[in-house]
């Protein structure tokens, strides 16, 4: 694994991983190595979850917006979006839901660097 990694985060407040994947209107993209984490940019997207339906156009835009990221960190995500992300090589990570962003991203990358298998 080569570091730094690009990691996308869905957050309501910019402090914690607190947004459902389908409700996100932006993803914060970070560059993370085991020893440092820095915000690169905010990428605006159209949220795709429309209650009982979803927008496939919005999903395509989200996939395009985060396709260069190793993983996307979210509070929640369904199986369908997870499968679509996996198909483009982006891991869906919800195990850090409601946790502080930078500490979570650093923990994730340090665990990867140590060779831990992460779900």
PDB file of N, CA and C in Angstrom:
ATOM      1  N   UNK A   1       0.850  -1.175   0.000  1.00  0.00           N
ATOM      2  CA  UNK A   1       0.000   0.000   0.000  1.00  0.00           C
ATOM      3  C   UNK A   1       0.896   1.238   0.000  1.00  0.00           C
ATOM      4  N   UNK A   2       0.556   2.163  -0.855  1.00  0.00           N
ATOM      5  CA  UNK A   2       1.326   3.405  -0.962  1.00  0.00           C
ATOM      6  C   UNK A   2       0.576   4.540  -0.287  1.00  0.00           C
ATOM      7  N   UNK A   3       1.313   5.289   0.500  1.00  0.00           N
ATOM      8  CA  UNK A   3       0.736   6.423   1.217  1.00  0.00           C
ATOM      9  C   UNK A   3       1.328   7.704   0.670  1.00  0.00           C
ATOM     10  N   UNK A   4       0.612   8.811   0.730  1.00  0.00           N
ATOM     11  CA  UNK A   4      -0.677   9.009   1.381  1.00  0.00           C
ATOM     12  C   UNK A   4      -1.832   8.468   0.529  1.00  0.00           C
ATOM     13  N   UNK A   5      -2.949   8.222   1.210  1.00  0.00           N
ATOM     14  CA  UNK A   5      -4.185   7.802   0.559  1.00  0.00           C
ATOM     15  C   UNK A   5      -5.147   8.981   0.501  1.00  0.00           C
ATOM     16  N   UNK A   6      -5.986   8.976  -0.520  1.00  0.00           N
ATOM     17  CA  UNK A   6      -7.099   9.935  -0.560  1.00  0.00           C
ATOM     18  C   UNK A   6      -8.308   9.248   0.046  1.00  0.00           C
ATOM     19  N   UNK A   7      -8.927   9.920   0.992  1.00  0.00           N
ATOM     20  CA  UNK A   7     -10.103   9.392   1.674  1.00  0.00           C
ATOM     21  C   UNK A   7     -11.200  10.447   1.650  1.00  0.00           C
ATOM     22  N   UNK A   8     -12.403  10.024   1.278  1.00  0.00           N
ATOM     23  CA  UNK A   8     -13.553  10.931   1.233  1.00  0.00           C
ATOM     24  C   UNK A   8     -14.385  10.745   2.503  1.00  0.00           C
ATOM     25  N   UNK A   9     -14.977  11.832   2.969  1.00  0.00           N
ATOM     26  CA  UNK A   9     -15.758  11.806   4.207  1.00  0.00           C
ATOM     27  C   UNK A   9     -17.084  12.533   3.999  1.00  0.00           C
ATOM     28  N   UNK A  10     -18.158  11.887   4.463  1.00  0.00           N
ATOM     29  CA  UNK A  10     -19.482  12.526   4.480  1.00  0.00           C
ATOM     30  C   UNK A  10     -19.733  13.029   5.902  1.00  0.00           C
ATOM     31  N   UNK A  11     -19.891  14.332   6.033  1.00  0.00           N
ATOM     32  CA  UNK A  11     -20.061  14.930   7.359  1.00  0.00           C
ATOM     33  C   UNK A  11     -21.054  16.073   7.294  1.00  0.00           C
ATOM     34  N   UNK A  12     -21.898  16.152   8.307  1.00  0.00           N
ATOM     35  CA  UNK A  12     -22.839  17.269   8.399  1.00  0.00           C
ATOM     36  C   UNK A  12     -22.165  18.527   8.924  1.00  0.00           C
ATOM     37  N   UNK A  13     -21.183  18.344   9.813  1.00  0.00           N
ATOM     38  CA  UNK A  13     -20.609  19.488  10.515  1.00  0.00           C
ATOM     39  C   UNK A  13     -19.117  19.713  10.279  1.00  0.00           C
ATOM     40  N   UNK A  14     -18.471  18.846   9.525  1.00  0.00           N
ATOM     41  CA  UNK A  14     -17.038  18.980   9.284  1.00  0.00           C
ATOM     42  C   UNK A  14     -16.173  18.538  10.443  1.00  0.00           C
ATOM     43  N   UNK A  15     -16.787  18.015  11.495  1.00  0.00           N
ATOM     44  CA  UNK A  15     -16.043  17.579  12.680  1.00  0.00           C
ATOM     45  C   UNK A  15     -16.080  16.064  12.862  1.00  0.00           C
ATOM     46  N   UNK A  16     -17.232  15.471  12.577  1.00  0.00           N
ATOM     47  CA  UNK A  16     -17.417  14.028  12.773  1.00  0.00           C
ATOM     48  C   UNK A  16     -17.920  13.390  11.478  1.00  0.00           C
ATOM     49  N   UNK A  17     -17.746  12.081  11.386  1.00  0.00           N
ATOM     50  CA  UNK A  17     -18.267  11.313  10.252  1.00  0.00           C
ATOM     51  C   UNK A  17     -19.750  11.094  10.563  1.00  0.00           C
ATOM     52  N   UNK A  18     -20.593  11.970  10.044  1.00  0.00           N
ATOM     53  CA  UNK A  18     -21.966  12.067  10.552  1.00  0.00           C
ATOM     54  C   UNK A  18     -23.056  12.092   9.491  1.00  0.00           C
ATOM     55  N   UNK A  19     -22.739  11.826   8.252  1.00  0.00           N
ATOM     56  CA  UNK A  19     -23.742  11.908   7.191  1.00  0.00           C
ATOM     57  C   UNK A  19     -23.952  10.554   6.536  1.00  0.00           C
ATOM     58  N   UNK A  20     -25.210  10.249   6.244  1.00  0.00           N
ATOM     59  CA  UNK A  20     -25.584   9.052   5.488  1.00  0.00           C
ATOM     60  C   UNK A  20     -25.112   9.251   4.049  1.00  0.00           C
ATOM     61  N   UNK A  21     -24.548   8.226   3.440  1.00  0.00           N
ATOM     62  CA  UNK A  21     -24.025   8.326   2.074  1.00  0.00           C
ATOM     63  C   UNK A  21     -25.052   8.933   1.118  1.00  0.00           C
ATOM     64  N   UNK A  22     -26.267   8.448   1.156  1.00  0.00           N
ATOM     65  CA  UNK A  22     -27.296   8.901   0.225  1.00  0.00           C
ATOM     66  C   UNK A  22     -27.786  10.309   0.450  1.00  0.00           C
ATOM     67  N   UNK A  23     -27.498  10.882   1.615  1.00  0.00           N
ATOM     68  CA  UNK A  23     -27.942  12.248   1.923  1.00  0.00           C
ATOM     69  C   UNK A  23     -26.845  13.286   1.742  1.00  0.00           C
ATOM     70  N   UNK A  24     -25.623  12.828   1.504  1.00  0.00           N
ATOM     71  CA  UNK A  24     -24.485  13.753   1.407  1.00  0.00           C
ATOM     72  C   UNK A  24     -24.639  14.698   0.221  1.00  0.00           C
ATOM     73  N   UNK A  25     -24.362  15.962   0.460  1.00  0.00           N
ATOM     74  CA  UNK A  25     -24.352  16.978  -0.599  1.00  0.00           C
ATOM     75  C   UNK A  25     -22.922  17.388  -0.944  1.00  0.00           C
ATOM     76  N   UNK A  26     -21.977  16.882  -0.135  1.00  0.00           N
ATOM     77  CA  UNK A  26     -20.560  17.142  -0.400  1.00  0.00           C
ATOM     78  C   UNK A  26     -19.746  16.072   0.303  1.00  0.00           C
ATOM     79  N   UNK A  27     -18.566  15.846  -0.232  1.00  0.00           N
ATOM     80  CA  UNK A  27     -17.602  14.957   0.395  1.00  0.00           C
ATOM     81  C   UNK A  27     -16.316  15.739   0.603  1.00  0.00           C
ATOM     82  N   UNK A  28     -15.812  15.689   1.817  1.00  0.00           N
ATOM     83  CA  UNK A  28     -14.514  16.287   2.113  1.00  0.00           C
ATOM     84  C   UNK A  28     -13.469  15.249   1.724  1.00  0.00           C
ATOM     85  N   UNK A  29     -12.475  15.658   0.960  1.00  0.00           N
ATOM     86  CA  UNK A  29     -11.432  14.741   0.523  1.00  0.00           C
ATOM     87  C   UNK A  29     -10.140  15.090   1.258  1.00  0.00           C
ATOM     88  N   UNK A  30      -9.605  14.085   1.936  1.00  0.00           N
ATOM     89  CA  UNK A  30      -8.391  14.223   2.725  1.00  0.00           C
ATOM     90  C   UNK A  30      -7.257  13.419   2.103  1.00  0.00           C
ATOM     91  N   UNK A  31      -6.053  13.877   2.332  1.00  0.00           N
ATOM     92  CA  UNK A  31      -4.851  13.121   2.003  1.00  0.00           C
ATOM     93  C   UNK A  31      -4.298  12.655   3.345  1.00  0.00           C
ATOM     94  N   UNK A  32      -4.152  11.323   3.491  1.00  0.00           N
ATOM     95  CA  UNK A  32      -3.809  10.779   4.801  1.00  0.00           C
ATOM     96  C   UNK A  32      -2.651   9.788   4.685  1.00  0.00           C
ATOM     97  N   UNK A  33      -1.665   9.979   5.529  1.00  0.00           N
ATOM     98  CA  UNK A  33      -0.548   9.059   5.711  1.00  0.00           C
ATOM     99  C   UNK A  33      -0.564   8.666   7.192  1.00  0.00           C
ATOM    100  N   UNK A  34       0.173   7.637   7.574  1.00  0.00           N
ATOM    101  CA  UNK A  34       0.133   7.228   8.982  1.00  0.00           C
ATOM    102  C   UNK A  34       0.477   8.347   9.975  1.00  0.00           C
ATOM    103  N   UNK A  35       1.248   9.338   9.551  1.00  0.00           N
ATOM    104  CA  UNK A  35       1.668  10.389  10.476  1.00  0.00           C
ATOM    105  C   UNK A  35       0.959  11.726  10.283  1.00  0.00           C
ATOM    106  N   UNK A  36       0.137  11.881   9.243  1.00  0.00           N
ATOM    107  CA  UNK A  36      -0.518  13.178   9.040  1.00  0.00           C
ATOM    108  C   UNK A  36      -1.799  13.049   8.223  1.00  0.00           C
ATOM    109  N   UNK A  37      -2.644  14.048   8.407  1.00  0.00           N
ATOM    110  CA  UNK A  37      -3.947  14.086   7.740  1.00  0.00           C
ATOM    111  C   UNK A  37      -4.203  15.539   7.352  1.00  0.00           C
ATOM    112  N   UNK A  38      -4.537  15.766   6.067  1.00  0.00           N
ATOM    113  CA  UNK A  38      -4.847  17.149   5.688  1.00  0.00           C
ATOM    114  C   UNK A  38      -6.015  17.178   4.712  1.00  0.00           C
ATOM    115  N   UNK A  39      -6.869  18.151   4.901  1.00  0.00           N
ATOM    116  CA  UNK A  39      -8.016  18.358   4.018  1.00  0.00           C
ATOM    117  C   UNK A  39      -7.526  18.939   2.704  1.00  0.00           C
ATOM    118  N   UNK A  40      -7.893  18.292   1.602  1.00  0.00           N
ATOM    119  CA  UNK A  40      -7.530  18.788   0.275  1.00  0.00           C
ATOM    120  C   UNK A  40      -8.607  19.688  -0.305  1.00  0.00           C
ATOM    121  N   UNK A  41      -9.860  19.204  -0.250  1.00  0.00           N
ATOM    122  CA  UNK A  41     -10.948  19.958  -0.882  1.00  0.00           C
ATOM    123  C   UNK A  41     -12.302  19.401  -0.473  1.00  0.00           C
ATOM    124  N   UNK A  42     -13.328  20.166  -0.804  1.00  0.00           N
ATOM    125  CA  UNK A  42     -14.720  19.755  -0.648  1.00  0.00           C
ATOM    126  C   UNK A  42     -15.279  19.535  -2.050  1.00  0.00           C
ATOM    127  N   UNK A  43     -15.878  18.379  -2.279  1.00  0.00           N
ATOM    128  CA  UNK A  43     -16.462  18.079  -3.587  1.00  0.00           C
ATOM    129  C   UNK A  43     -17.980  18.035  -3.458  1.00  0.00           C
ATOM    130  N   UNK A  44     -18.626  18.956  -4.141  1.00  0.00           N
ATOM    131  CA  UNK A  44     -20.082  19.052  -4.103  1.00  0.00           C
ATOM    132  C   UNK A  44     -20.696  17.961  -4.979  1.00  0.00           C
ATOM    133  N   UNK A  45     -21.780  17.358  -4.487  1.00  0.00           N
ATOM    134  CA  UNK A  45     -22.508  16.328  -5.232  1.00  0.00           C
ATOM    135  C   UNK A  45     -24.007  16.538  -5.016  1.00  0.00           C
ATOM    136  N   UNK A  46     -24.780  15.903  -5.842  1.00  0.00           N
ATOM    137  CA  UNK A  46     -26.237  15.885  -5.666  1.00  0.00           C
ATOM    138  C   UNK A  46     -26.564  14.655  -4.833  1.00  0.00           C
ATOM    139  N   UNK A  47     -27.336  14.813  -3.750  1.00  0.00           N
ATOM    140  CA  UNK A  47     -27.643  13.613  -2.963  1.00  0.00           C
ATOM    141  C   UNK A  47     -28.588  12.722  -3.757  1.00  0.00           C
ATOM    142  N   UNK A  48     -28.366  11.426  -3.627  1.00  0.00           N
ATOM    143  CA  UNK A  48     -29.114  10.517  -4.484  1.00  0.00           C
ATOM    144  C   UNK A  48     -30.308   9.863  -3.805  1.00  0.00           C
ATOM    145  N   UNK A  49     -30.372   9.873  -2.488  1.00  0.00           N
ATOM    146  CA  UNK A  49     -31.484   9.236  -1.780  1.00  0.00           C
ATOM    147  C   UNK A  49     -32.674  10.192  -1.753  1.00  0.00           C
ATOM    148  N   UNK A  50     -33.764   9.761  -2.351  1.00  0.00           N
ATOM    149  CA  UNK A  50     -34.952  10.602  -2.451  1.00  0.00           C
ATOM    150  C   UNK A  50     -36.119   9.978  -1.699  1.00  0.00           C
ATOM    151  N   UNK A  51     -35.864   9.478  -0.510  1.00  0.00           N
ATOM    152  CA  UNK A  51     -36.907   8.820   0.264  1.00  0.00           C
ATOM    153  C   UNK A  51     -37.088   7.386  -0.181  1.00  0.00           C
ATOM    154  N   UNK A  52     -38.188   7.108  -0.879  1.00  0.00           N
ATOM    155  CA  UNK A  52     -38.464   5.748  -1.334  1.00  0.00           C
ATOM    156  C   UNK A  52     -37.856   5.432  -2.691  1.00  0.00           C
ATOM    157  N   UNK A  53     -37.143   6.374  -3.269  1.00  0.00           N
ATOM    158  CA  UNK A  53     -36.500   6.145  -4.569  1.00  0.00           C
ATOM    159  C   UNK A  53     -35.105   6.754  -4.544  1.00  0.00           C
ATOM    160  N   UNK A  54     -34.398   6.569  -5.639  1.00  0.00           N
ATOM    161  CA  UNK A  54     -33.053   7.131  -5.716  1.00  0.00           C
ATOM    162  C   UNK A  54     -32.789   7.642  -7.121  1.00  0.00           C
ATOM    163  N   UNK A  55     -31.865   8.568  -7.217  1.00  0.00           N
ATOM    164  CA  UNK A  55     -31.491   9.165  -8.493  1.00  0.00           C
ATOM    165  C   UNK A  55     -30.225   8.498  -9.019  1.00  0.00           C
ATOM    166  N   UNK A  56     -30.356   7.759 -10.101  1.00  0.00           N
ATOM    167  CA  UNK A  56     -29.188   7.095 -10.682  1.00  0.00           C
ATOM    168  C   UNK A  56     -28.235   8.115 -11.307  1.00  0.00           C
ATOM    169  N   UNK A  57     -28.758   9.241 -11.761  1.00  0.00           N
ATOM    170  CA  UNK A  57     -27.907  10.303 -12.286  1.00  0.00           C
ATOM    171  C   UNK A  57     -27.029  10.855 -11.161  1.00  0.00           C
ATOM    172  N   UNK A  58     -27.631  11.064  -9.997  1.00  0.00           N
ATOM    173  CA  UNK A  58     -26.871  11.561  -8.846  1.00  0.00           C
ATOM    174  C   UNK A  58     -25.828  10.526  -8.419  1.00  0.00           C
ATOM    175  N   UNK A  59     -26.191   9.243  -8.423  1.00  0.00           N
ATOM    176  CA  UNK A  59     -25.238   8.194  -8.046  1.00  0.00           C
ATOM    177  C   UNK A  59     -24.039   8.203  -8.984  1.00  0.00           C
ATOM    178  N   UNK A  60     -24.277   8.341 -10.265  1.00  0.00           N
ATOM    179  CA  UNK A  60     -23.181   8.391 -11.234  1.00  0.00           C
ATOM    180  C   UNK A  60     -22.265   9.577 -10.944  1.00  0.00           C
ATOM    181  N   UNK A  61     -22.841  10.709 -10.574  1.00  0.00           N
ATOM    182  CA  UNK A  61     -22.051  11.888 -10.236  1.00  0.00           C
ATOM    183  C   UNK A  61     -21.225  11.691  -8.975  1.00  0.00           C
ATOM    184  N   UNK A  62     -21.799  11.021  -7.978  1.00  0.00           N
ATOM    185  CA  UNK A  62     -21.062  10.739  -6.742  1.00  0.00           C
ATOM    186  C   UNK A  62     -19.890   9.813  -7.030  1.00  0.00           C
ATOM    187  N   UNK A  63     -20.148   8.747  -7.794  1.00  0.00           N
ATOM    188  CA  UNK A  63     -19.079   7.803  -8.127  1.00  0.00           C
ATOM    189  C   UNK A  63     -17.953   8.504  -8.875  1.00  0.00           C
ATOM    190  N   UNK A  64     -18.308   9.382  -9.773  1.00  0.00           N
ATOM    191  CA  UNK A  64     -17.307  10.144 -10.527  1.00  0.00           C
ATOM    192  C   UNK A  64     -16.513  11.060  -9.583  1.00  0.00           C
ATOM    193  N   UNK A  65     -17.199  11.675  -8.624  1.00  0.00           N
ATOM    194  CA  UNK A  65     -16.563  12.634  -7.719  1.00  0.00           C
ATOM    195  C   UNK A  65     -15.556  11.987  -6.776  1.00  0.00           C
ATOM    196  N   UNK A  66     -15.777  10.721  -6.407  1.00  0.00           N
ATOM    197  CA  UNK A  66     -14.892  10.098  -5.412  1.00  0.00           C
ATOM    198  C   UNK A  66     -14.123   8.888  -5.943  1.00  0.00           C
ATOM    199  N   UNK A  67     -14.122   8.707  -7.250  1.00  0.00           N
ATOM    200  CA  UNK A  67     -13.470   7.519  -7.824  1.00  0.00           C
ATOM    201  C   UNK A  67     -11.961   7.481  -7.594  1.00  0.00           C
ATOM    202  N   UNK A  68     -11.335   8.615  -7.302  1.00  0.00           N
ATOM    203  CA  UNK A  68      -9.889   8.636  -7.052  1.00  0.00           C
ATOM    204  C   UNK A  68      -9.544   8.419  -5.576  1.00  0.00           C
ATOM    205  N   UNK A  69     -10.553   8.105  -4.763  1.00  0.00           N
ATOM    206  CA  UNK A  69     -10.335   7.891  -3.333  1.00  0.00           C
ATOM    207  C   UNK A  69     -10.216   6.399  -3.020  1.00  0.00           C
ATOM    208  N   UNK A  70      -9.430   6.082  -2.030  1.00  0.00           N
ATOM    209  CA  UNK A  70      -9.272   4.692  -1.580  1.00  0.00           C
ATOM    210  C   UNK A  70     -10.543   4.220  -0.868  1.00  0.00           C
ATOM    211  N   UNK A  71     -11.178   5.126  -0.101  1.00  0.00           N
ATOM    212  CA  UNK A  71     -12.360   4.777   0.680  1.00  0.00           C
ATOM    213  C   UNK A  71     -13.211   6.019   0.905  1.00  0.00           C
ATOM    214  N   UNK A  72     -14.487   5.764   1.242  1.00  0.00           N
ATOM    215  CA  UNK A  72     -15.391   6.842   1.634  1.00  0.00           C
ATOM    216  C   UNK A  72     -15.939   6.489   3.014  1.00  0.00           C
ATOM    217  N   UNK A  73     -15.861   7.453   3.933  1.00  0.00           N
ATOM    218  CA  UNK A  73     -16.294   7.273   5.314  1.00  0.00           C
ATOM    219  C   UNK A  73     -17.659   7.921   5.489  1.00  0.00           C
ATOM    220  N   UNK A  74     -18.608   7.134   5.999  1.00  0.00           N
ATOM    221  CA  UNK A  74     -19.991   7.576   6.128  1.00  0.00           C
ATOM    222  C   UNK A  74     -20.569   7.098   7.454  1.00  0.00           C
ATOM    223  N   UNK A  75     -21.665   7.728   7.881  1.00  0.00           N
ATOM    224  CA  UNK A  75     -22.363   7.271   9.077  1.00  0.00           C
ATOM    225  C   UNK A  75     -23.151   5.998   8.772  1.00  0.00           C
ATOM    226  N   UNK A  76     -23.753   5.948   7.584  1.00  0.00           N
ATOM    227  CA  UNK A  76     -24.521   4.775   7.153  1.00  0.00           C
ATOM    228  C   UNK A  76     -24.465   4.689   5.646  1.00  0.00           C
ATOM    229  N   UNK A  77     -24.645   3.443   5.145  1.00  0.00           N
ATOM    230  CA  UNK A  77     -24.682   3.220   3.699  1.00  0.00           C
ATOM    231  C   UNK A  77     -25.381   1.893   3.440  1.00  0.00           C
ATOM    232  N   UNK A  78     -26.154   1.832   2.380  1.00  0.00           N
ATOM    233  CA  UNK A  78     -26.857   0.609   2.022  1.00  0.00           C
ATOM    234  C   UNK A  78     -25.997  -0.335   1.194  1.00  0.00           C
ATOM    235  N   UNK A  79     -26.512  -1.533   0.998  1.00  0.00           N
ATOM    236  CA  UNK A  79     -25.790  -2.552   0.233  1.00  0.00           C
ATOM    237  C   UNK A  79     -25.613  -2.171  -1.232  1.00  0.00           C
ATOM    238  N   UNK A  80     -26.628  -1.575  -1.845  1.00  0.00           N
ATOM    239  CA  UNK A  80     -26.541  -1.185  -3.257  1.00  0.00           C
ATOM    240  C   UNK A  80     -25.407  -0.205  -3.516  1.00  0.00           C
ATOM    241  N   UNK A  81     -25.365   0.914  -2.780  1.00  0.00           N
ATOM    242  CA  UNK A  81     -24.262   1.849  -2.959  1.00  0.00           C
ATOM    243  C   UNK A  81     -22.905   1.228  -2.623  1.00  0.00           C
ATOM    244  N   UNK A  82     -22.866   0.383  -1.594  1.00  0.00           N
ATOM    245  CA  UNK A  82     -21.614  -0.285  -1.233  1.00  0.00           C
ATOM    246  C   UNK A  82     -21.102  -1.113  -2.408  1.00  0.00           C
ATOM    247  N   UNK A  83     -21.997  -1.842  -3.056  1.00  0.00           N
ATOM    248  CA  UNK A  83     -21.613  -2.659  -4.214  1.00  0.00           C
ATOM    249  C   UNK A  83     -21.103  -1.796  -5.366  1.00  0.00           C
ATOM    250  N   UNK A  84     -21.752  -0.659  -5.592  1.00  0.00           N
ATOM    251  CA  UNK A  84     -21.321   0.241  -6.673  1.00  0.00           C
ATOM    252  C   UNK A  84     -19.932   0.820  -6.374  1.00  0.00           C
ATOM    253  N   UNK A  85     -19.691   1.164  -5.127  1.00  0.00           N
ATOM    254  CA  UNK A  85     -18.371   1.676  -4.742  1.00  0.00           C
ATOM    255  C   UNK A  85     -17.306   0.594  -4.893  1.00  0.00           C
ATOM    256  N   UNK A  86     -17.615  -0.598  -4.433  1.00  0.00           N
ATOM    257  CA  UNK A  86     -16.670  -1.716  -4.544  1.00  0.00           C
ATOM    258  C   UNK A  86     -16.296  -1.957  -6.003  1.00  0.00           C
ATOM    259  N   UNK A  87     -17.272  -1.838  -6.889  1.00  0.00           N
ATOM    260  CA  UNK A  87     -17.034  -2.070  -8.318  1.00  0.00           C
ATOM    261  C   UNK A  87     -16.031  -1.085  -8.913  1.00  0.00           C
ATOM    262  N   UNK A  88     -15.917   0.111  -8.322  1.00  0.00           N
ATOM    263  CA  UNK A  88     -14.936   1.085  -8.839  1.00  0.00           C
ATOM    264  C   UNK A  88     -13.677   1.146  -7.960  1.00  0.00           C
ATOM    265  N   UNK A  89     -13.571   0.226  -7.006  1.00  0.00           N
ATOM    266  CA  UNK A  89     -12.369   0.152  -6.176  1.00  0.00           C
ATOM    267  C   UNK A  89     -12.336   1.085  -4.994  1.00  0.00           C
ATOM    268  N   UNK A  90     -13.491   1.558  -4.550  1.00  0.00           N
ATOM    269  CA  UNK A  90     -13.574   2.452  -3.392  1.00  0.00           C
ATOM    270  C   UNK A  90     -14.253   1.697  -2.253  1.00  0.00           C
ATOM    271  N   UNK A  91     -13.600   1.622  -1.107  1.00  0.00           N
ATOM    272  CA  UNK A  91     -14.172   0.941   0.053  1.00  0.00           C
ATOM    273  C   UNK A  91     -15.181   1.845   0.749  1.00  0.00           C
ATOM    274  N   UNK A  92     -16.298   1.272   1.184  1.00  0.00           N
ATOM    275  CA  UNK A  92     -17.286   1.992   1.986  1.00  0.00           C
ATOM    276  C   UNK A  92     -16.997   1.678   3.452  1.00  0.00           C
ATOM    277  N   UNK A  93     -16.750   2.718   4.258  1.00  0.00           N
ATOM    278  CA  UNK A  93     -16.378   2.532   5.663  1.00  0.00           C
ATOM    279  C   UNK A  93     -17.405   3.230   6.549  1.00  0.00           C
ATOM    280  N   UNK A  94     -18.129   2.436   7.344  1.00  0.00           N
ATOM    281  CA  UNK A  94     -19.099   3.024   8.267  1.00  0.00           C
ATOM    282  C   UNK A  94     -18.762   2.701   9.727  1.00  0.00           C
ATOM    283  N   UNK A  95     -17.655   2.038   9.955  1.00  0.00           N
ATOM    284  CA  UNK A  95     -17.262   1.647  11.306  1.00  0.00           C
ATOM    285  C   UNK A  95     -16.793   2.783  12.195  1.00  0.00           C
ATOM    286  N   UNK A  96     -16.614   3.957  11.626  1.00  0.00           N
ATOM    287  CA  UNK A  96     -16.199   5.127  12.405  1.00  0.00           C
ATOM    288  C   UNK A  96     -17.329   6.149  12.526  1.00  0.00           C
ATOM    289  N   UNK A  97     -18.555   5.718  12.324  1.00  0.00           N
ATOM    290  CA  UNK A  97     -19.704   6.635  12.376  1.00  0.00           C
ATOM    291  C   UNK A  97     -19.731   7.407  13.688  1.00  0.00           C
ATOM    292  N   UNK A  98     -19.948   8.714  13.577  1.00  0.00           N
ATOM    293  CA  UNK A  98     -20.095   9.662  14.686  1.00  0.00           C
ATOM    294  C   UNK A  98     -18.773   9.936  15.402  1.00  0.00           C
ATOM    295  N   UNK A  99     -17.666   9.434  14.878  1.00  0.00           N
ATOM    296  CA  UNK A  99     -16.347   9.675  15.475  1.00  0.00           C
ATOM    297  C   UNK A  99     -15.698  10.903  14.816  1.00  0.00           C
ATOM    298  N   UNK A 100     -14.734  11.539  15.491  1.00  0.00           N
ATOM    299  CA  UNK A 100     -14.024  12.687  14.908  1.00  0.00           C
ATOM    300  C   UNK A 100     -13.317  12.284  13.609  1.00  0.00           C
ATOM    301  N   UNK A 101     -13.358  13.152  12.621  1.00  0.00           N
ATOM    302  CA  UNK A 101     -12.843  12.831  11.289  1.00  0.00           C
ATOM    303  C   UNK A 101     -11.355  12.512  11.306  1.00  0.00           C
ATOM    304  N   UNK A 102     -10.520  13.459  11.700  1.00  0.00           N
ATOM    305  CA  UNK A 102      -9.077  13.268  11.552  1.00  0.00           C
ATOM    306  C   UNK A 102      -8.565  12.082  12.357  1.00  0.00           C
ATOM    307  N   UNK A 103      -9.020  11.910  13.586  1.00  0.00           N
ATOM    308  CA  UNK A 103      -8.588  10.767  14.399  1.00  0.00           C
ATOM    309  C   UNK A 103      -9.009   9.450  13.745  1.00  0.00           C
ATOM    310  N   UNK A 104     -10.189   9.419  13.161  1.00  0.00           N
ATOM    311  CA  UNK A 104     -10.681   8.208  12.504  1.00  0.00           C
ATOM    312  C   UNK A 104      -9.861   7.871  11.270  1.00  0.00           C
ATOM    313  N   UNK A 105      -9.583   8.886  10.451  1.00  0.00           N
ATOM    314  CA  UNK A 105      -8.810   8.644   9.232  1.00  0.00           C
ATOM    315  C   UNK A 105      -7.392   8.188   9.567  1.00  0.00           C
ATOM    316  N   UNK A 106      -6.781   8.806  10.558  1.00  0.00           N
ATOM    317  CA  UNK A 106      -5.438   8.393  10.971  1.00  0.00           C
ATOM    318  C   UNK A 106      -5.440   6.968  11.515  1.00  0.00           C
ATOM    319  N   UNK A 107      -6.438   6.620  12.307  1.00  0.00           N
ATOM    320  CA  UNK A 107      -6.533   5.259  12.829  1.00  0.00           C
ATOM    321  C   UNK A 107      -6.660   4.251  11.686  1.00  0.00           C
ATOM    322  N   UNK A 108      -7.520   4.550  10.739  1.00  0.00           N
ATOM    323  CA  UNK A 108      -7.737   3.664   9.591  1.00  0.00           C
ATOM    324  C   UNK A 108      -6.436   3.446   8.813  1.00  0.00           C
ATOM    325  N   UNK A 109      -5.737   4.518   8.507  1.00  0.00           N
ATOM    326  CA  UNK A 109      -4.503   4.418   7.720  1.00  0.00           C
ATOM    327  C   UNK A 109      -3.406   3.706   8.514  1.00  0.00           C
ATOM    328  N   UNK A 110      -3.310   3.979   9.792  1.00  0.00           N
ATOM    329  CA  UNK A 110      -2.310   3.292  10.616  1.00  0.00           C
ATOM    330  C   UNK A 110      -2.590   1.793  10.677  1.00  0.00           C
ATOM    331  N   UNK A 111      -3.851   1.439  10.751  1.00  0.00           N
ATOM    332  CA  UNK A 111      -4.210   0.018  10.763  1.00  0.00           C
ATOM    333  C   UNK A 111      -3.891  -0.632   9.417  1.00  0.00           C
ATOM    334  N   UNK A 112      -4.145   0.078   8.332  1.00  0.00           N
ATOM    335  CA  UNK A 112      -3.770  -0.440   7.011  1.00  0.00           C
ATOM    336  C   UNK A 112      -2.255  -0.621   6.910  1.00  0.00           C
ATOM    337  N   UNK A 113      -1.512   0.385   7.370  1.00  0.00           N
ATOM    338  CA  UNK A 113      -0.048   0.329   7.302  1.00  0.00           C
ATOM    339  C   UNK A 113       0.506  -0.835   8.119  1.00  0.00           C
ATOM    340  N   UNK A 114      -0.184  -1.172   9.218  1.00  0.00           N
ATOM    341  CA  UNK A 114       0.241  -2.284  10.078  1.00  0.00           C
ATOM    342  C   UNK A 114      -0.173  -3.635   9.505  1.00  0.00           C
ATOM    343  N   UNK A 115      -0.908  -3.601   8.387  1.00  0.00           N
ATOM    344  CA  UNK A 115      -1.310  -4.847   7.741  1.00  0.00           C
ATOM    345  C   UNK A 115      -2.577  -5.473   8.289  1.00  0.00           C
ATOM    346  N   UNK A 116      -3.334  -4.713   9.074  1.00  0.00           N
ATOM    347  CA  UNK A 116      -4.592  -5.246   9.608  1.00  0.00           C
ATOM    348  C   UNK A 116      -5.614  -5.352   8.482  1.00  0.00           C
ATOM    349  N   UNK A 117      -6.389  -6.423   8.516  1.00  0.00           N
ATOM    350  CA  UNK A 117      -7.484  -6.583   7.556  1.00  0.00           C
ATOM    351  C   UNK A 117      -8.654  -5.726   8.037  1.00  0.00           C
ATOM    352  N   UNK A 118      -9.093  -4.804   7.202  1.00  0.00           N
ATOM    353  CA  UNK A 118     -10.205  -3.917   7.562  1.00  0.00           C
ATOM    354  C   UNK A 118     -11.406  -4.237   6.697  1.00  0.00           C
ATOM    355  N   UNK A 119     -12.556  -4.255   7.311  1.00  0.00           N
ATOM    356  CA  UNK A 119     -13.791  -4.535   6.568  1.00  0.00           C
ATOM    357  C   UNK A 119     -14.296  -3.293   5.892  1.00  0.00           C
TER     358      UNK A 119
END
